[in-house]
Amino acid sequence: MKDKLSIKVSIAGRIYPLTIERNEEENVRKAVKAINERVSEYEKNFDIKDRQDLLAMTSLFFASQSVELQQSSTKDEKSILDRLEKVDKLISAELVKE
């Protein structure tokens, strides 16, 4: 049985009760802080008062970041696999010589 924790977080001025794994708390609180900071930034820079619009813009920001990270990760994985294949071929070629 995992260690559950009940917390309340405030996102864009609204309270949300959550039940999370205890080891997730730090990341959840950091995420809440990042969301609130982004909402606040959009509210100030674009003079938008509608919370739904602010949350939609914030969601788009974080979703686009996630997509970018996934694409970058895929490129990195391919590069690593290519290198490993080259190393494997070099080792195989040396073993054949012996």
N, C-alpha and C. Protein backbone atom coordinates (compact mmCIF):
# COMPACT_ATOMS: atom_id res chain seq x y z
N MET A 1 0.84 -1.19 0.00
CA MET A 1 0.00 0.00 0.00
C MET A 1 0.88 1.24 0.00
N LYS A 2 0.58 2.14 -0.90
CA LYS A 2 1.40 3.34 -1.02
C LYS A 2 0.94 4.39 -0.02
N ASP A 3 1.84 5.29 0.29
CA ASP A 3 1.60 6.33 1.27
C ASP A 3 0.86 7.49 0.61
N LYS A 4 -0.43 7.63 0.87
CA LYS A 4 -1.25 8.68 0.29
C LYS A 4 -1.25 9.93 1.17
N LEU A 5 -1.50 11.06 0.54
CA LEU A 5 -1.51 12.33 1.24
C LEU A 5 -2.65 13.17 0.67
N SER A 6 -3.46 13.76 1.54
CA SER A 6 -4.53 14.66 1.10
C SER A 6 -4.04 16.09 1.28
N ILE A 7 -4.09 16.86 0.20
CA ILE A 7 -3.67 18.25 0.26
C ILE A 7 -4.71 19.10 -0.46
N LYS A 8 -4.63 20.40 -0.23
CA LYS A 8 -5.45 21.35 -0.97
C LYS A 8 -4.50 22.31 -1.66
N VAL A 9 -4.76 22.56 -2.94
CA VAL A 9 -3.93 23.49 -3.69
C VAL A 9 -4.83 24.59 -4.25
N SER A 10 -4.25 25.75 -4.42
CA SER A 10 -4.98 26.88 -4.99
C SER A 10 -4.41 27.16 -6.38
N ILE A 11 -5.27 27.03 -7.38
CA ILE A 11 -4.87 27.30 -8.75
C ILE A 11 -5.77 28.40 -9.29
N ALA A 12 -5.16 29.50 -9.68
CA ALA A 12 -5.88 30.65 -10.23
C ALA A 12 -7.02 31.07 -9.29
N GLY A 13 -6.74 31.05 -8.00
CA GLY A 13 -7.70 31.54 -7.02
C GLY A 13 -8.77 30.55 -6.60
N ARG A 14 -8.68 29.33 -7.08
CA ARG A 14 -9.66 28.30 -6.72
C ARG A 14 -8.96 27.16 -5.99
N ILE A 15 -9.62 26.65 -4.96
CA ILE A 15 -9.05 25.57 -4.15
C ILE A 15 -9.46 24.22 -4.72
N TYR A 16 -8.47 23.33 -4.83
CA TYR A 16 -8.70 21.97 -5.32
C TYR A 16 -8.13 20.98 -4.32
N PRO A 17 -8.98 20.09 -3.78
CA PRO A 17 -8.46 19.04 -2.90
C PRO A 17 -7.90 17.90 -3.75
N LEU A 18 -6.76 17.39 -3.35
CA LEU A 18 -6.11 16.31 -4.09
C LEU A 18 -5.68 15.21 -3.13
N THR A 19 -5.70 14.00 -3.62
CA THR A 19 -5.08 12.88 -2.91
C THR A 19 -3.96 12.38 -3.81
N ILE A 20 -2.76 12.46 -3.29
CA ILE A 20 -1.57 12.13 -4.09
C ILE A 20 -0.67 11.19 -3.29
N GLU A 21 0.29 10.62 -3.98
CA GLU A 21 1.33 9.86 -3.30
C GLU A 21 2.22 10.86 -2.56
N ARG A 22 2.65 10.50 -1.38
CA ARG A 22 3.47 11.41 -0.57
C ARG A 22 4.72 11.86 -1.34
N ASN A 23 5.30 10.96 -2.11
CA ASN A 23 6.52 11.31 -2.85
C ASN A 23 6.26 12.24 -4.04
N GLU A 24 5.00 12.50 -4.36
CA GLU A 24 4.65 13.41 -5.45
C GLU A 24 4.43 14.85 -4.98
N GLU A 25 4.35 15.04 -3.67
CA GLU A 25 3.94 16.34 -3.13
C GLU A 25 4.82 17.50 -3.63
N GLU A 26 6.11 17.33 -3.58
CA GLU A 26 7.01 18.43 -3.98
C GLU A 26 6.77 18.82 -5.44
N ASN A 27 6.66 17.82 -6.32
CA ASN A 27 6.42 18.12 -7.73
C ASN A 27 5.06 18.76 -7.96
N VAL A 28 4.04 18.30 -7.25
CA VAL A 28 2.71 18.89 -7.40
C VAL A 28 2.74 20.35 -6.96
N ARG A 29 3.37 20.61 -5.84
CA ARG A 29 3.43 22.00 -5.35
C ARG A 29 4.24 22.90 -6.29
N LYS A 30 5.31 22.37 -6.86
CA LYS A 30 6.08 23.14 -7.85
C LYS A 30 5.24 23.41 -9.09
N ALA A 31 4.47 22.42 -9.51
CA ALA A 31 3.60 22.59 -10.69
C ALA A 31 2.54 23.65 -10.42
N VAL A 32 1.94 23.60 -9.26
CA VAL A 32 0.92 24.60 -8.88
C VAL A 32 1.54 25.99 -8.90
N LYS A 33 2.73 26.11 -8.35
CA LYS A 33 3.41 27.41 -8.33
C LYS A 33 3.68 27.90 -9.75
N ALA A 34 4.14 27.02 -10.61
CA ALA A 34 4.44 27.39 -12.00
C ALA A 34 3.16 27.82 -12.72
N ILE A 35 2.07 27.10 -12.50
CA ILE A 35 0.79 27.47 -13.13
C ILE A 35 0.35 28.85 -12.66
N ASN A 36 0.37 29.06 -11.35
CA ASN A 36 -0.07 30.35 -10.81
C ASN A 36 0.80 31.50 -11.29
N GLU A 37 2.10 31.26 -11.40
CA GLU A 37 2.99 32.31 -11.90
C GLU A 37 2.68 32.64 -13.35
N ARG A 38 2.43 31.61 -14.17
CA ARG A 38 2.12 31.83 -15.58
C ARG A 38 0.78 32.54 -15.74
N VAL A 39 -0.23 32.13 -14.96
CA VAL A 39 -1.54 32.79 -14.99
C VAL A 39 -1.39 34.26 -14.63
N SER A 40 -0.64 34.52 -13.58
CA SER A 40 -0.41 35.90 -13.14
C SER A 40 0.30 36.72 -14.21
N GLU A 41 1.29 36.11 -14.84
CA GLU A 41 2.04 36.79 -15.90
C GLU A 41 1.11 37.16 -17.08
N TYR A 42 0.29 36.20 -17.49
CA TYR A 42 -0.65 36.48 -18.58
C TYR A 42 -1.66 37.55 -18.19
N GLU A 43 -2.10 37.49 -16.96
CA GLU A 43 -3.08 38.47 -16.48
C GLU A 43 -2.51 39.88 -16.53
N LYS A 44 -1.24 40.03 -16.14
CA LYS A 44 -0.60 41.34 -16.14
C LYS A 44 -0.25 41.80 -17.55
N ASN A 45 0.35 40.92 -18.34
CA ASN A 45 0.85 41.31 -19.65
C ASN A 45 -0.24 41.50 -20.70
N PHE A 46 -1.34 40.78 -20.57
CA PHE A 46 -2.37 40.85 -21.59
C PHE A 46 -3.67 41.46 -21.07
N ASP A 47 -3.67 41.91 -19.82
CA ASP A 47 -4.84 42.54 -19.21
C ASP A 47 -6.10 41.70 -19.41
N ILE A 48 -5.96 40.41 -19.16
CA ILE A 48 -7.08 39.48 -19.28
C ILE A 48 -7.56 39.17 -17.87
N LYS A 49 -8.85 39.23 -17.65
CA LYS A 49 -9.40 38.97 -16.33
C LYS A 49 -10.15 37.65 -16.25
N ASP A 50 -10.57 37.12 -17.39
CA ASP A 50 -11.33 35.88 -17.40
C ASP A 50 -10.41 34.71 -17.06
N ARG A 51 -10.68 34.06 -15.92
CA ARG A 51 -9.82 32.98 -15.44
C ARG A 51 -9.76 31.81 -16.43
N GLN A 52 -10.86 31.53 -17.08
CA GLN A 52 -10.87 30.42 -18.03
C GLN A 52 -9.92 30.71 -19.19
N ASP A 53 -9.91 31.93 -19.69
CA ASP A 53 -8.98 32.30 -20.76
C ASP A 53 -7.54 32.19 -20.28
N LEU A 54 -7.29 32.66 -19.06
CA LEU A 54 -5.94 32.59 -18.50
C LEU A 54 -5.48 31.15 -18.34
N LEU A 55 -6.37 30.30 -17.85
CA LEU A 55 -6.01 28.89 -17.68
C LEU A 55 -5.83 28.19 -19.02
N ALA A 56 -6.63 28.57 -20.02
CA ALA A 56 -6.48 27.99 -21.35
C ALA A 56 -5.12 28.37 -21.94
N MET A 57 -4.74 29.63 -21.81
CA MET A 57 -3.44 30.07 -22.32
C MET A 57 -2.30 29.38 -21.58
N THR A 58 -2.46 29.23 -20.27
CA THR A 58 -1.45 28.55 -19.46
C THR A 58 -1.34 27.09 -19.86
N SER A 59 -2.48 26.44 -20.08
CA SER A 59 -2.48 25.03 -20.52
C SER A 59 -1.76 24.89 -21.85
N LEU A 60 -2.04 25.80 -22.77
CA LEU A 60 -1.38 25.76 -24.08
C LEU A 60 0.13 25.92 -23.93
N PHE A 61 0.55 26.83 -23.07
CA PHE A 61 1.98 27.05 -22.84
C PHE A 61 2.66 25.77 -22.36
N PHE A 62 2.08 25.15 -21.31
CA PHE A 62 2.71 23.95 -20.76
C PHE A 62 2.59 22.75 -21.69
N ALA A 63 1.50 22.66 -22.44
CA ALA A 63 1.35 21.56 -23.40
C ALA A 63 2.38 21.69 -24.51
N SER A 64 2.60 22.91 -24.99
CA SER A 64 3.59 23.09 -26.06
C SER A 64 5.00 22.79 -25.55
N GLN A 65 5.28 23.14 -24.29
CA GLN A 65 6.57 22.79 -23.69
C GLN A 65 6.73 21.28 -23.62
N SER A 66 5.67 20.60 -23.24
CA SER A 66 5.71 19.14 -23.13
C SER A 66 5.98 18.49 -24.48
N VAL A 67 5.31 18.97 -25.51
CA VAL A 67 5.51 18.44 -26.86
C VAL A 67 6.96 18.66 -27.30
N GLU A 68 7.47 19.85 -27.03
CA GLU A 68 8.85 20.17 -27.40
C GLU A 68 9.84 19.24 -26.69
N LEU A 69 9.60 18.99 -25.40
CA LEU A 69 10.48 18.10 -24.64
C LEU A 69 10.40 16.67 -25.16
N GLN A 70 9.20 16.23 -25.53
CA GLN A 70 9.04 14.87 -26.07
C GLN A 70 9.80 14.73 -27.39
N GLN A 71 9.71 15.74 -28.25
CA GLN A 71 10.41 15.69 -29.53
C GLN A 71 11.92 15.69 -29.31
N SER A 72 12.38 16.51 -28.38
CA SER A 72 13.80 16.58 -28.07
C SER A 72 14.28 15.25 -27.50
N SER A 73 13.48 14.66 -26.65
CA SER A 73 13.83 13.37 -26.04
C SER A 73 13.94 12.28 -27.10
N THR A 74 13.01 12.29 -28.05
CA THR A 74 13.03 11.30 -29.14
C THR A 74 14.29 11.46 -29.98
N LYS A 75 14.67 12.71 -30.27
CA LYS A 75 15.90 12.96 -31.05
C LYS A 75 17.12 12.48 -30.27
N ASP A 76 17.15 12.76 -28.97
CA ASP A 76 18.27 12.33 -28.13
C ASP A 76 18.36 10.80 -28.10
N GLU A 77 17.21 10.14 -27.96
CA GLU A 77 17.20 8.68 -27.93
C GLU A 77 17.73 8.11 -29.24
N LYS A 78 17.32 8.68 -30.35
CA LYS A 78 17.78 8.21 -31.66
C LYS A 78 19.30 8.39 -31.78
N SER A 79 19.79 9.54 -31.34
CA SER A 79 21.22 9.81 -31.40
C SER A 79 21.99 8.81 -30.54
N ILE A 80 21.50 8.52 -29.37
CA ILE A 80 22.16 7.56 -28.48
C ILE A 80 22.15 6.17 -29.10
N LEU A 81 21.00 5.76 -29.66
CA LEU A 81 20.91 4.45 -30.29
C LEU A 81 21.86 4.34 -31.48
N ASP A 82 21.96 5.41 -32.27
CA ASP A 82 22.89 5.42 -33.41
C ASP A 82 24.33 5.23 -32.92
N ARG A 83 24.69 5.92 -31.87
CA ARG A 83 26.04 5.80 -31.32
C ARG A 83 26.30 4.39 -30.79
N LEU A 84 25.31 3.85 -30.09
CA LEU A 84 25.47 2.49 -29.55
C LEU A 84 25.64 1.47 -30.68
N GLU A 85 24.90 1.66 -31.76
CA GLU A 85 25.04 0.75 -32.90
C GLU A 85 26.44 0.83 -33.49
N LYS A 86 26.99 2.04 -33.59
CA LYS A 86 28.35 2.22 -34.11
C LYS A 86 29.37 1.53 -33.20
N VAL A 87 29.20 1.72 -31.89
CA VAL A 87 30.10 1.08 -30.94
C VAL A 87 29.98 -0.44 -31.04
N ASP A 88 28.76 -0.93 -31.15
CA ASP A 88 28.53 -2.37 -31.28
C ASP A 88 29.22 -2.91 -32.53
N LYS A 89 29.12 -2.20 -33.63
CA LYS A 89 29.77 -2.63 -34.88
C LYS A 89 31.29 -2.64 -34.73
N LEU A 90 31.83 -1.62 -34.06
CA LEU A 90 33.28 -1.57 -33.85
C LEU A 90 33.75 -2.73 -32.97
N ILE A 91 33.02 -3.00 -31.92
CA ILE A 91 33.38 -4.11 -31.02
C ILE A 91 33.26 -5.44 -31.76
N SER A 92 32.18 -5.60 -32.51
CA SER A 92 31.98 -6.85 -33.27
C SER A 92 33.09 -7.05 -34.28
N ALA A 93 33.50 -5.97 -34.94
CA ALA A 93 34.57 -6.07 -35.94
C ALA A 93 35.88 -6.47 -35.24
N GLU A 94 36.15 -5.96 -34.07
CA GLU A 94 37.38 -6.31 -33.34
C GLU A 94 37.33 -7.76 -32.88
N LEU A 95 36.16 -8.22 -32.46
CA LEU A 95 36.04 -9.60 -32.00
C LEU A 95 36.23 -10.60 -33.15
N VAL A 96 35.78 -10.23 -34.32
CA VAL A 96 35.93 -11.08 -35.50
C VAL A 96 37.41 -11.21 -35.87
N LYS A 97 38.20 -10.17 -35.66
CA LYS A 97 39.62 -10.19 -35.97
C LYS A 97 40.38 -11.18 -35.08
N GLU A 98 39.89 -11.37 -33.88
CA GLU A 98 40.62 -12.25 -32.93
C GLU A 98 40.42 -13.65 -33.25
